Amino acid sequence: MTTSIWLGVLEQGLLWGIMVLGVYITFRVLNFPDLTVDGGFTLGAAISARMIFEGYDPWIATAVALVSGAIAGICTGFLNTKLRIAPLLAGILMNIALYSINLRVMGSKAMLSLLRMDNIYTDVTNVGIPAGLAVVTLGLGTTILITYLLYTFLQTEIGMALRATGDNEQMIRSLGVNTNSTKIMGLSIGNALVALSGALVAQYQSYSDVGMGIGMIVVGLASVIVGEVVFGKRTLLRALVAVVIGSIIYRAVIAVVMQLGLPTTDLKLFTALLVILAMSSPLIKEKFSGQSGKAKGSVDNAVDNRS
């Protein structure tokens, strides 16, 4: 593949990697199956696109998108903790509500174009960075900053309480921690990152589409699992870096498959199969290692019997 294709893989891997970090916070750290992601991703894209379209500064639009995603996460947490709605159903309900909200934000239009409008990448090029490297530069810088902030935060007392809520909610509650607050906090952080990713992607693609978030939760899970399988998760920092690497690997695999001639309509099917393969890889390894162990044991027994 050409250099431009690999550059595109890196750009998309970094921008979507921010969304994957948000999925990691909710699914891995908080152990909360949050389906708000699909709607939250579009929410960030819709708000940033609409504000830029109306003439607001792109940086302010991106910041508002991030805050809006946090609010969406808080609403999901409220449905779960205060109204006692199951996590899956709370995410589904919020996702449904966000579809109508996103349409309203975009002025009842299915798509909002940002062609020939300045965005944050334009501002990056204005400081002397080549246009071809603006997306990679901003994406890499943002991803490193967010990874560092998450790594630092999750080692604080509040961050440890958040991790403990996901590991053993009953235990941490017995120690006097308000798990309802930690859940809402974790969901707000996760969905803020998802919406931020949506805002960056909308400006990268120069448009916002009401359906652009469909399947984002599967993409996020695929990237998290692939990253953990390939890079490992023995330490917190390693796990966070693995998430971003998993996003880049996922985009690279998609690019390779596209080069092989797979129709774009089959990408969702391929993503689902990739998740299934990644999630079942520990079981496959265990079976293969067990079979090799049995074979080795049989050979050893045969040698002992002959002797």
C-alpha atoms as a PDB file:
ATOM      1  CA  MET A   1       0.000   0.000   0.000  1.00  0.00           C
ATOM      2  CA  THR A   2       1.085   3.579  -0.635  1.00  0.00           C
ATOM      3  CA  THR A   3       2.414   5.995   1.967  1.00  0.00           C
ATOM      4  CA  SER A   4      -0.787   8.059   1.798  1.00  0.00           C
ATOM      5  CA  ILE A   5      -2.867   5.034   2.785  1.00  0.00           C
ATOM      6  CA  TRP A   6      -0.663   4.299   5.798  1.00  0.00           C
ATOM      7  CA  LEU A   7      -0.790   7.977   6.772  1.00  0.00           C
ATOM      8  CA  GLY A   8      -4.584   7.797   6.607  1.00  0.00           C
ATOM      9  CA  VAL A   9      -4.530   4.664   8.795  1.00  0.00           C
ATOM     10  CA  LEU A  10      -2.450   6.494  11.407  1.00  0.00           C
ATOM     11  CA  GLU A  11      -4.691   9.567  11.268  1.00  0.00           C
ATOM     12  CA  GLN A  12      -7.886   7.558  11.709  1.00  0.00           C
ATOM     13  CA  GLY A  13      -6.345   5.280  14.315  1.00  0.00           C
ATOM     14  CA  LEU A  14      -5.371   8.246  16.493  1.00  0.00           C
ATOM     15  CA  LEU A  15      -8.645  10.180  16.092  1.00  0.00           C
ATOM     16  CA  TRP A  16     -10.830   7.146  16.694  1.00  0.00           C
ATOM     17  CA  GLY A  17      -8.385   6.050  19.399  1.00  0.00           C
ATOM     18  CA  ILE A  18      -9.721   8.831  21.633  1.00  0.00           C
ATOM     19  CA  MET A  19     -13.164   7.252  21.320  1.00  0.00           C
ATOM     20  CA  VAL A  20     -11.660   3.851  22.150  1.00  0.00           C
ATOM     21  CA  LEU A  21     -10.136   5.310  25.331  1.00  0.00           C
ATOM     22  CA  GLY A  22     -13.637   6.399  26.317  1.00  0.00           C
ATOM     23  CA  VAL A  23     -14.963   2.895  25.663  1.00  0.00           C
ATOM     24  CA  TYR A  24     -12.104   1.492  27.753  1.00  0.00           C
ATOM     25  CA  ILE A  25     -13.109   3.687  30.708  1.00  0.00           C
ATOM     26  CA  THR A  26     -16.722   2.506  30.693  1.00  0.00           C
ATOM     27  CA  PHE A  27     -16.322  -1.130  29.665  1.00  0.00           C
ATOM     28  CA  ARG A  28     -13.001  -2.106  31.235  1.00  0.00           C
ATOM     29  CA  VAL A  29     -12.447   0.266  34.157  1.00  0.00           C
ATOM     30  CA  LEU A  30     -16.062   0.788  35.222  1.00  0.00           C
ATOM     31  CA  ASN A  31     -17.335  -2.585  33.947  1.00  0.00           C
ATOM     32  CA  PHE A  32     -20.427  -0.803  32.580  1.00  0.00           C
ATOM     33  CA  PRO A  33     -21.785  -1.928  29.172  1.00  0.00           C
ATOM     34  CA  ASP A  34     -22.535   1.593  27.949  1.00  0.00           C
ATOM     35  CA  LEU A  35     -24.358   1.760  24.633  1.00  0.00           C
ATOM     36  CA  THR A  36     -24.530   5.551  24.713  1.00  0.00           C
ATOM     37  CA  VAL A  37     -21.368   5.541  22.584  1.00  0.00           C
ATOM     38  CA  ASP A  38     -23.083   5.430  19.181  1.00  0.00           C
ATOM     39  CA  GLY A  39     -25.225   8.477  19.904  1.00  0.00           C
ATOM     40  CA  GLY A  40     -22.505  10.277  21.876  1.00  0.00           C
ATOM     41  CA  PHE A  41     -20.044  10.042  18.994  1.00  0.00           C
ATOM     42  CA  THR A  42     -22.575  11.622  16.630  1.00  0.00           C
ATOM     43  CA  LEU A  43     -23.451  14.217  19.285  1.00  0.00           C
ATOM     44  CA  GLY A  44     -19.866  15.466  19.370  1.00  0.00           C
ATOM     45  CA  ALA A  45     -19.719  15.557  15.587  1.00  0.00           C
ATOM     46  CA  ALA A  46     -23.097  17.307  15.241  1.00  0.00           C
ATOM     47  CA  ILE A  47     -22.414  20.007  17.827  1.00  0.00           C
ATOM     48  CA  SER A  48     -18.947  20.858  16.534  1.00  0.00           C
ATOM     49  CA  ALA A  49     -20.144  20.890  12.912  1.00  0.00           C
ATOM     50  CA  ARG A  50     -23.171  23.065  13.657  1.00  0.00           C
ATOM     51  CA  MET A  51     -21.162  25.577  15.686  1.00  0.00           C
ATOM     52  CA  ILE A  52     -18.433  25.819  13.037  1.00  0.00           C
ATOM     53  CA  PHE A  53     -21.146  26.166  10.379  1.00  0.00           C
ATOM     54  CA  GLU A  54     -22.627  29.046  12.394  1.00  0.00           C
ATOM     55  CA  GLY A  55     -19.246  30.782  12.553  1.00  0.00           C
ATOM     56  CA  TYR A  56     -17.977  29.854  16.021  1.00  0.00           C
ATOM     57  CA  ASP A  57     -14.303  29.220  16.697  1.00  0.00           C
ATOM     58  CA  PRO A  58     -13.462  25.538  15.981  1.00  0.00           C
ATOM     59  CA  TRP A  59     -11.669  25.135  19.318  1.00  0.00           C
ATOM     60  CA  ILE A  60     -14.681  26.414  21.224  1.00  0.00           C
ATOM     61  CA  ALA A  61     -16.946  24.119  19.175  1.00  0.00           C
ATOM     62  CA  THR A  62     -14.742  21.146  20.032  1.00  0.00           C
ATOM     63  CA  ALA A  63     -14.752  22.047  23.727  1.00  0.00           C
ATOM     64  CA  VAL A  64     -18.547  22.364  23.762  1.00  0.00           C
ATOM     65  CA  ALA A  65     -18.790  18.960  22.059  1.00  0.00           C
ATOM     66  CA  LEU A  66     -16.651  17.435  24.817  1.00  0.00           C
ATOM     67  CA  VAL A  67     -18.817  18.958  27.557  1.00  0.00           C
ATOM     68  CA  SER A  68     -21.983  17.789  25.774  1.00  0.00           C
ATOM     69  CA  GLY A  69     -20.658  14.233  25.709  1.00  0.00           C
ATOM     70  CA  ALA A  70     -19.987  14.435  29.440  1.00  0.00           C
ATOM     71  CA  ILE A  71     -23.575  15.563  30.019  1.00  0.00           C
ATOM     72  CA  ALA A  72     -24.855  12.618  27.952  1.00  0.00           C
ATOM     73  CA  GLY A  73     -22.811  10.280  30.143  1.00  0.00           C
ATOM     74  CA  ILE A  74     -24.206  11.888  33.282  1.00  0.00           C
ATOM     75  CA  CYS A  75     -27.744  11.328  31.966  1.00  0.00           C
ATOM     76  CA  THR A  76     -26.999   7.638  31.355  1.00  0.00           C
ATOM     77  CA  GLY A  77     -25.566   7.372  34.854  1.00  0.00           C
ATOM     78  CA  PHE A  78     -28.656   9.080  36.289  1.00  0.00           C
ATOM     79  CA  LEU A  79     -30.954   6.584  34.556  1.00  0.00           C
ATOM     80  CA  ASN A  80     -28.957   3.705  35.998  1.00  0.00           C
ATOM     81  CA  THR A  81     -28.168   4.911  39.517  1.00  0.00           C
ATOM     82  CA  LYS A  82     -31.168   7.057  40.407  1.00  0.00           C
ATOM     83  CA  LEU A  83     -33.972   5.458  38.378  1.00  0.00           C
ATOM     84  CA  ARG A  84     -32.602   1.903  38.783  1.00  0.00           C
ATOM     85  CA  ILE A  85     -32.677   1.168  35.058  1.00  0.00           C
ATOM     86  CA  ALA A  86     -30.374  -1.673  33.973  1.00  0.00           C
ATOM     87  CA  PRO A  87     -27.048  -0.506  32.447  1.00  0.00           C
ATOM     88  CA  LEU A  88     -27.760  -1.927  28.988  1.00  0.00           C
ATOM     89  CA  LEU A  89     -31.250  -0.456  28.844  1.00  0.00           C
ATOM     90  CA  ALA A  90     -30.079   2.917  30.191  1.00  0.00           C
ATOM     91  CA  GLY A  91     -27.519   3.151  27.386  1.00  0.00           C
ATOM     92  CA  ILE A  92     -30.038   2.091  24.764  1.00  0.00           C
ATOM     93  CA  LEU A  93     -32.590   4.649  25.942  1.00  0.00           C
ATOM     94  CA  MET A  94     -30.008   7.437  25.936  1.00  0.00           C
ATOM     95  CA  ASN A  95     -28.811   6.378  22.507  1.00  0.00           C
ATOM     96  CA  ILE A  96     -32.365   6.556  21.147  1.00  0.00           C
ATOM     97  CA  ALA A  97     -32.897   9.973  22.704  1.00  0.00           C
ATOM     98  CA  LEU A  98     -29.625  11.239  21.260  1.00  0.00           C
ATOM     99  CA  TYR A  99     -30.721  10.360  17.724  1.00  0.00           C
ATOM    100  CA  SER A 100     -33.500  12.950  17.872  1.00  0.00           C
ATOM    101  CA  ILE A 101     -31.272  15.417  19.726  1.00  0.00           C
ATOM    102  CA  ASN A 102     -28.565  15.089  17.074  1.00  0.00           C
ATOM    103  CA  LEU A 103     -31.087  15.743  14.324  1.00  0.00           C
ATOM    104  CA  ARG A 104     -32.246  18.894  16.107  1.00  0.00           C
ATOM    105  CA  VAL A 105     -28.664  20.052  16.603  1.00  0.00           C
ATOM    106  CA  MET A 106     -28.024  19.632  12.876  1.00  0.00           C
ATOM    107  CA  GLY A 107     -31.140  21.603  11.996  1.00  0.00           C
ATOM    108  CA  SER A 108     -33.215  18.525  11.060  1.00  0.00           C
ATOM    109  CA  LYS A 109     -30.677  17.679   8.344  1.00  0.00           C
ATOM    110  CA  ALA A 110     -29.218  14.206   7.910  1.00  0.00           C
ATOM    111  CA  MET A 111     -25.833  15.681   6.950  1.00  0.00           C
ATOM    112  CA  LEU A 112     -24.052  18.962   7.574  1.00  0.00           C
ATOM    113  CA  SER A 113     -21.127  19.827   5.299  1.00  0.00           C
ATOM    114  CA  LEU A 114     -18.018  21.708   6.467  1.00  0.00           C
ATOM    115  CA  LEU A 115     -16.333  21.944   3.075  1.00  0.00           C
ATOM    116  CA  ARG A 116     -14.193  25.050   2.567  1.00  0.00           C
ATOM    117  CA  MET A 117     -14.615  26.011   6.242  1.00  0.00           C
ATOM    118  CA  ASP A 118     -11.770  26.518   8.679  1.00  0.00           C
ATOM    119  CA  ASN A 119     -11.376  23.903  11.406  1.00  0.00           C
ATOM    120  CA  ILE A 120      -8.846  23.057  14.106  1.00  0.00           C
ATOM    121  CA  TYR A 121      -6.573  21.382  11.565  1.00  0.00           C
ATOM    122  CA  THR A 122      -6.474  24.615   9.593  1.00  0.00           C
ATOM    123  CA  ASP A 123      -5.298  26.386  12.745  1.00  0.00           C
ATOM    124  CA  VAL A 124      -2.576  23.756  13.201  1.00  0.00           C
ATOM    125  CA  THR A 125      -1.236  24.429   9.709  1.00  0.00           C
ATOM    126  CA  ASN A 126      -1.208  28.161  10.467  1.00  0.00           C
ATOM    127  CA  VAL A 127       1.515  27.630  13.087  1.00  0.00           C
ATOM    128  CA  GLY A 128       3.887  26.156  10.504  1.00  0.00           C
ATOM    129  CA  ILE A 129       3.043  22.455  10.496  1.00  0.00           C
ATOM    130  CA  PRO A 130       2.668  20.994   6.942  1.00  0.00           C
ATOM    131  CA  ALA A 131      -0.946  20.436   5.907  1.00  0.00           C
ATOM    132  CA  GLY A 132      -0.294  16.757   5.249  1.00  0.00           C
ATOM    133  CA  LEU A 133       0.858  16.230   8.845  1.00  0.00           C
ATOM    134  CA  ALA A 134      -1.659  18.462  10.643  1.00  0.00           C
ATOM    135  CA  VAL A 135      -4.106  15.665  11.489  1.00  0.00           C
ATOM    136  CA  VAL A 136      -1.390  13.270  12.677  1.00  0.00           C
ATOM    137  CA  THR A 137       0.283  15.986  14.752  1.00  0.00           C
ATOM    138  CA  LEU A 138      -2.917  17.084  16.486  1.00  0.00           C
ATOM    139  CA  GLY A 139      -4.201  13.519  16.844  1.00  0.00           C
ATOM    140  CA  LEU A 140      -0.938  12.264  18.326  1.00  0.00           C
ATOM    141  CA  GLY A 141      -0.603  15.222  20.677  1.00  0.00           C
ATOM    142  CA  THR A 142      -4.210  14.922  21.873  1.00  0.00           C
ATOM    143  CA  THR A 143      -3.965  11.158  22.343  1.00  0.00           C
ATOM    144  CA  ILE A 144      -0.727  11.412  24.335  1.00  0.00           C
ATOM    145  CA  LEU A 145      -2.172  14.175  26.522  1.00  0.00           C
ATOM    146  CA  ILE A 146      -5.396  12.251  27.224  1.00  0.00           C
ATOM    147  CA  THR A 147      -3.500   9.026  27.929  1.00  0.00           C
ATOM    148  CA  TYR A 148      -1.235  10.853  30.389  1.00  0.00           C
ATOM    149  CA  LEU A 149      -4.175  12.564  32.109  1.00  0.00           C
ATOM    150  CA  LEU A 150      -6.100   9.279  32.414  1.00  0.00           C
ATOM    151  CA  TYR A 151      -3.025   7.471  33.723  1.00  0.00           C
ATOM    152  CA  THR A 152      -2.474  10.180  36.347  1.00  0.00           C
ATOM    153  CA  PHE A 153      -6.150  10.429  37.301  1.00  0.00           C
ATOM    154  CA  LEU A 154      -6.698   6.680  37.673  1.00  0.00           C
ATOM    155  CA  GLN A 155      -3.869   6.547  40.217  1.00  0.00           C
ATOM    156  CA  THR A 156      -5.409   9.220  42.451  1.00  0.00           C
ATOM    157  CA  GLU A 157      -7.730   8.365  45.329  1.00  0.00           C
ATOM    158  CA  ILE A 158     -10.816   9.163  43.247  1.00  0.00           C
ATOM    159  CA  GLY A 159      -9.448   7.231  40.283  1.00  0.00           C
ATOM    160  CA  MET A 160      -8.717   4.214  42.482  1.00  0.00           C
ATOM    161  CA  ALA A 161     -12.298   4.376  43.759  1.00  0.00           C
ATOM    162  CA  LEU A 162     -13.503   4.392  40.145  1.00  0.00           C
ATOM    163  CA  ARG A 163     -11.399   1.324  39.320  1.00  0.00           C
ATOM    164  CA  ALA A 164     -12.520  -0.423  42.495  1.00  0.00           C
ATOM    165  CA  THR A 165     -16.165   0.198  41.581  1.00  0.00           C
ATOM    166  CA  GLY A 166     -15.631  -1.756  38.387  1.00  0.00           C
ATOM    167  CA  ASP A 167     -13.630  -4.516  40.099  1.00  0.00           C
ATOM    168  CA  ASN A 168     -15.802  -5.113  43.163  1.00  0.00           C
ATOM    169  CA  GLU A 169     -18.702  -2.751  43.725  1.00  0.00           C
ATOM    170  CA  GLN A 170     -19.916  -4.461  46.911  1.00  0.00           C
ATOM    171  CA  MET A 171     -16.524  -4.246  48.597  1.00  0.00           C
ATOM    172  CA  ILE A 172     -15.840  -0.620  47.772  1.00  0.00           C
ATOM    173  CA  ARG A 173     -19.366   0.316  48.883  1.00  0.00           C
ATOM    174  CA  SER A 174     -18.736  -1.373  52.244  1.00  0.00           C
ATOM    175  CA  LEU A 175     -15.731   0.939  52.655  1.00  0.00           C
ATOM    176  CA  GLY A 176     -18.001   3.974  52.446  1.00  0.00           C
ATOM    177  CA  VAL A 177     -17.529   4.938  48.798  1.00  0.00           C
ATOM    178  CA  ASN A 178     -20.600   6.255  46.981  1.00  0.00           C
ATOM    179  CA  THR A 179     -20.572   3.971  43.948  1.00  0.00           C
ATOM    180  CA  ASN A 180     -23.413   5.899  42.318  1.00  0.00           C
ATOM    181  CA  SER A 181     -21.171   8.962  42.138  1.00  0.00           C
ATOM    182  CA  THR A 182     -18.211   6.992  40.772  1.00  0.00           C
ATOM    183  CA  LYS A 183     -20.417   5.411  38.100  1.00  0.00           C
ATOM    184  CA  ILE A 184     -21.739   8.792  36.960  1.00  0.00           C
ATOM    185  CA  MET A 185     -18.222  10.212  36.982  1.00  0.00           C
ATOM    186  CA  GLY A 186     -16.836   7.319  34.920  1.00  0.00           C
ATOM    187  CA  LEU A 187     -19.663   7.522  32.401  1.00  0.00           C
ATOM    188  CA  SER A 188     -19.218  11.276  32.026  1.00  0.00           C
ATOM    189  CA  ILE A 189     -15.462  10.911  31.406  1.00  0.00           C
ATOM    190  CA  GLY A 190     -15.933   8.057  28.931  1.00  0.00           C
ATOM    191  CA  ASN A 191     -18.640   9.792  26.930  1.00  0.00           C
ATOM    192  CA  ALA A 192     -16.770  13.104  26.968  1.00  0.00           C
ATOM    193  CA  LEU A 193     -13.880  11.363  25.186  1.00  0.00           C
ATOM    194  CA  VAL A 194     -16.304   9.716  22.760  1.00  0.00           C
ATOM    195  CA  ALA A 195     -17.876  13.067  21.865  1.00  0.00           C
ATOM    196  CA  LEU A 196     -14.422  14.681  21.548  1.00  0.00           C
ATOM    197  CA  SER A 197     -13.449  11.970  19.079  1.00  0.00           C
ATOM    198  CA  GLY A 198     -16.659  12.603  17.143  1.00  0.00           C
ATOM    199  CA  ALA A 199     -15.874  16.318  16.943  1.00  0.00           C
ATOM    200  CA  LEU A 200     -12.338  15.670  15.681  1.00  0.00           C
ATOM    201  CA  VAL A 201     -13.539  13.100  13.142  1.00  0.00           C
ATOM    202  CA  ALA A 202     -16.282  15.425  11.828  1.00  0.00           C
ATOM    203  CA  GLN A 203     -13.710  18.146  11.171  1.00  0.00           C
ATOM    204  CA  TYR A 204     -11.330  15.585   9.672  1.00  0.00           C
ATOM    205  CA  GLN A 205     -14.013  14.347   7.263  1.00  0.00           C
ATOM    206  CA  SER A 206     -15.457  17.863   6.720  1.00  0.00           C
ATOM    207  CA  TYR A 207     -19.016  16.755   7.467  1.00  0.00           C
ATOM    208  CA  SER A 208     -21.303  15.469  10.179  1.00  0.00           C
ATOM    209  CA  ASP A 209     -23.788  12.692   9.453  1.00  0.00           C
ATOM    210  CA  VAL A 210     -26.617  11.586  11.719  1.00  0.00           C
ATOM    211  CA  GLY A 211     -25.688   7.938  11.161  1.00  0.00           C
ATOM    212  CA  MET A 212     -21.914   8.252  11.506  1.00  0.00           C
ATOM    213  CA  GLY A 213     -21.971   6.848  15.045  1.00  0.00           C
ATOM    214  CA  ILE A 214     -23.734   3.605  14.167  1.00  0.00           C
ATOM    215  CA  GLY A 215     -21.548   0.662  15.125  1.00  0.00           C
ATOM    216  CA  MET A 216     -19.008   2.794  17.042  1.00  0.00           C
ATOM    217  CA  ILE A 217     -19.426   0.635  20.131  1.00  0.00           C
ATOM    218  CA  VAL A 218     -18.401  -2.447  18.148  1.00  0.00           C
ATOM    219  CA  VAL A 219     -15.426  -0.597  16.668  1.00  0.00           C
ATOM    220  CA  GLY A 220     -14.419   0.531  20.150  1.00  0.00           C
ATOM    221  CA  LEU A 221     -14.684  -2.952  21.609  1.00  0.00           C
ATOM    222  CA  ALA A 222     -12.773  -4.439  18.691  1.00  0.00           C
ATOM    223  CA  SER A 223      -9.941  -1.953  19.159  1.00  0.00           C
ATOM    224  CA  VAL A 224      -9.789  -2.499  22.938  1.00  0.00           C
ATOM    225  CA  ILE A 225      -9.728  -6.282  22.636  1.00  0.00           C
ATOM    226  CA  VAL A 226      -7.257  -6.365  19.732  1.00  0.00           C
ATOM    227  CA  GLY A 227      -4.938  -3.992  21.594  1.00  0.00           C
ATOM    228  CA  GLU A 228      -5.073  -6.087  24.762  1.00  0.00           C
ATOM    229  CA  VAL A 229      -4.439  -9.320  22.866  1.00  0.00           C
ATOM    230  CA  VAL A 230      -1.498  -7.906  20.880  1.00  0.00           C
ATOM    231  CA  PHE A 231       0.100  -5.538  23.401  1.00  0.00           C
ATOM    232  CA  GLY A 232      -1.087  -6.877  26.768  1.00  0.00           C
ATOM    233  CA  LYS A 233      -2.584  -5.178  29.834  1.00  0.00           C
ATOM    234  CA  ARG A 234      -0.314  -6.061  32.762  1.00  0.00           C
ATOM    235  CA  THR A 235      -0.032  -2.468  33.960  1.00  0.00           C
ATOM    236  CA  LEU A 236      -2.368   0.512  33.741  1.00  0.00           C
ATOM    237  CA  LEU A 237      -0.092   2.460  31.405  1.00  0.00           C
ATOM    238  CA  ARG A 238       0.390  -0.589  29.199  1.00  0.00           C
ATOM    239  CA  ALA A 239      -3.377  -1.084  29.000  1.00  0.00           C
ATOM    240  CA  LEU A 240      -4.005   2.545  28.011  1.00  0.00           C
ATOM    241  CA  VAL A 241      -1.304   2.460  25.338  1.00  0.00           C
ATOM    242  CA  ALA A 242      -2.628  -0.900  24.118  1.00  0.00           C
ATOM    243  CA  VAL A 243      -6.054   0.662  23.565  1.00  0.00           C
ATOM    244  CA  VAL A 244      -4.635   3.300  21.210  1.00  0.00           C
ATOM    245  CA  ILE A 245      -2.435   0.766  19.435  1.00  0.00           C
ATOM    246  CA  GLY A 246      -5.482  -1.479  19.048  1.00  0.00           C
ATOM    247  CA  SER A 247      -7.309   1.373  17.306  1.00  0.00           C
ATOM    248  CA  ILE A 248      -4.428   1.831  14.855  1.00  0.00           C
ATOM    249  CA  ILE A 249      -4.189  -1.939  14.241  1.00  0.00           C
ATOM    250  CA  TYR A 250      -7.929  -2.105  13.617  1.00  0.00           C
ATOM    251  CA  ARG A 251      -7.733   0.697  11.029  1.00  0.00           C
ATOM    252  CA  ALA A 252      -4.727  -0.988   9.407  1.00  0.00           C
ATOM    253  CA  VAL A 253      -6.599  -4.296   9.116  1.00  0.00           C
ATOM    254  CA  ILE A 254      -9.594  -2.513   7.606  1.00  0.00           C
ATOM    255  CA  ALA A 255      -7.313  -0.761   5.103  1.00  0.00           C
ATOM    256  CA  VAL A 256      -5.686  -4.048   4.097  1.00  0.00           C
ATOM    257  CA  VAL A 257      -9.063  -5.750   3.671  1.00  0.00           C
ATOM    258  CA  MET A 258     -10.314  -2.843   1.573  1.00  0.00           C
ATOM    259  CA  GLN A 259      -7.234  -3.143  -0.643  1.00  0.00           C
ATOM    260  CA  LEU A 260      -8.082  -6.815  -1.127  1.00  0.00           C
ATOM    261  CA  GLY A 261     -11.438  -5.812  -2.621  1.00  0.00           C
ATOM    262  CA  LEU A 262     -13.908  -6.363   0.235  1.00  0.00           C
ATOM    263  CA  PRO A 263     -17.105  -4.332  -0.384  1.00  0.00           C
ATOM    264  CA  THR A 264     -17.634  -1.483   2.079  1.00  0.00           C
ATOM    265  CA  THR A 265     -21.059  -2.930   2.874  1.00  0.00           C
ATOM    266  CA  ASP A 266     -19.321  -5.914   4.510  1.00  0.00           C
ATOM    267  CA  LEU A 267     -17.179  -3.873   6.905  1.00  0.00           C
ATOM    268  CA  LYS A 268     -19.595  -4.203   9.829  1.00  0.00           C
ATOM    269  CA  LEU A 269     -19.679  -7.980   9.341  1.00  0.00           C
ATOM    270  CA  PHE A 270     -15.893  -8.083   9.218  1.00  0.00           C
ATOM    271  CA  THR A 271     -15.697  -5.975  12.393  1.00  0.00           C
ATOM    272  CA  ALA A 272     -18.032  -8.368  14.208  1.00  0.00           C
ATOM    273  CA  LEU A 273     -15.955 -11.348  13.099  1.00  0.00           C
ATOM    274  CA  LEU A 274     -12.777  -9.586  14.225  1.00  0.00           C
ATOM    275  CA  VAL A 275     -14.259  -9.003  17.695  1.00  0.00           C
ATOM    276  CA  ILE A 276     -15.361 -12.641  17.926  1.00  0.00           C
ATOM    277  CA  LEU A 277     -11.883 -13.825  16.930  1.00  0.00           C
ATOM    278  CA  ALA A 278     -10.147 -11.489  19.382  1.00  0.00           C
ATOM    279  CA  MET A 279     -12.439 -12.390  22.281  1.00  0.00           C
ATOM    280  CA  SER A 280     -12.113 -16.111  21.641  1.00  0.00           C
ATOM    281  CA  SER A 281      -8.320 -15.986  21.206  1.00  0.00           C
ATOM    282  CA  PRO A 282      -7.598 -16.845  24.889  1.00  0.00           C
ATOM    283  CA  LEU A 283      -9.791 -19.943  24.613  1.00  0.00           C
ATOM    284  CA  ILE A 284      -8.156 -20.927  21.321  1.00  0.00           C
ATOM    285  CA  LYS A 285      -4.692 -20.513  22.844  1.00  0.00           C
ATOM    286  CA  GLU A 286      -5.737 -22.551  25.877  1.00  0.00           C
ATOM    287  CA  LYS A 287      -7.024 -25.392  23.740  1.00  0.00           C
ATOM    288  CA  PHE A 288      -3.939 -25.435  21.539  1.00  0.00           C
ATOM    289  CA  SER A 289      -1.622 -25.330  24.554  1.00  0.00           C
ATOM    290  CA  GLY A 290      -3.668 -28.098  26.191  1.00  0.00           C
ATOM    291  CA  GLN A 291      -3.485 -30.283  23.105  1.00  0.00           C
ATOM    292  CA  SER A 292       0.266 -29.708  22.777  1.00  0.00           C
ATOM    293  CA  GLY A 293       0.670 -30.541  26.458  1.00  0.00           C
ATOM    294  CA  LYS A 294      -1.278 -33.770  26.045  1.00  0.00           C
ATOM    295  CA  ALA A 295       0.770 -34.702  22.989  1.00  0.00           C
ATOM    296  CA  LYS A 296       3.988 -34.053  24.874  1.00  0.00           C
ATOM    297  CA  GLY A 297       2.742 -36.115  27.798  1.00  0.00           C
ATOM    298  CA  SER A 298       1.856 -39.016  25.496  1.00  0.00           C
ATOM    299  CA  VAL A 299       5.337 -38.947  23.961  1.00  0.00           C
ATOM    300  CA  ASP A 300       6.974 -38.882  27.393  1.00  0.00           C
ATOM    301  CA  ASN A 301       4.848 -41.835  28.551  1.00  0.00           C
ATOM    302  CA  ALA A 302       5.754 -43.801  25.445  1.00  0.00           C
ATOM    303  CA  VAL A 303       9.457 -43.165  26.048  1.00  0.00           C
ATOM    304  CA  ASP A 304       9.132 -44.222  29.684  1.00  0.00           C
ATOM    305  CA  ASN A 305       7.310 -47.445  28.737  1.00  0.00           C
ATOM    306  CA  ARG A 306      10.011 -48.389  26.231  1.00  0.00           C
ATOM    307  CA  SER A 307      12.732 -47.810  28.724  1.00  0.00           C
END
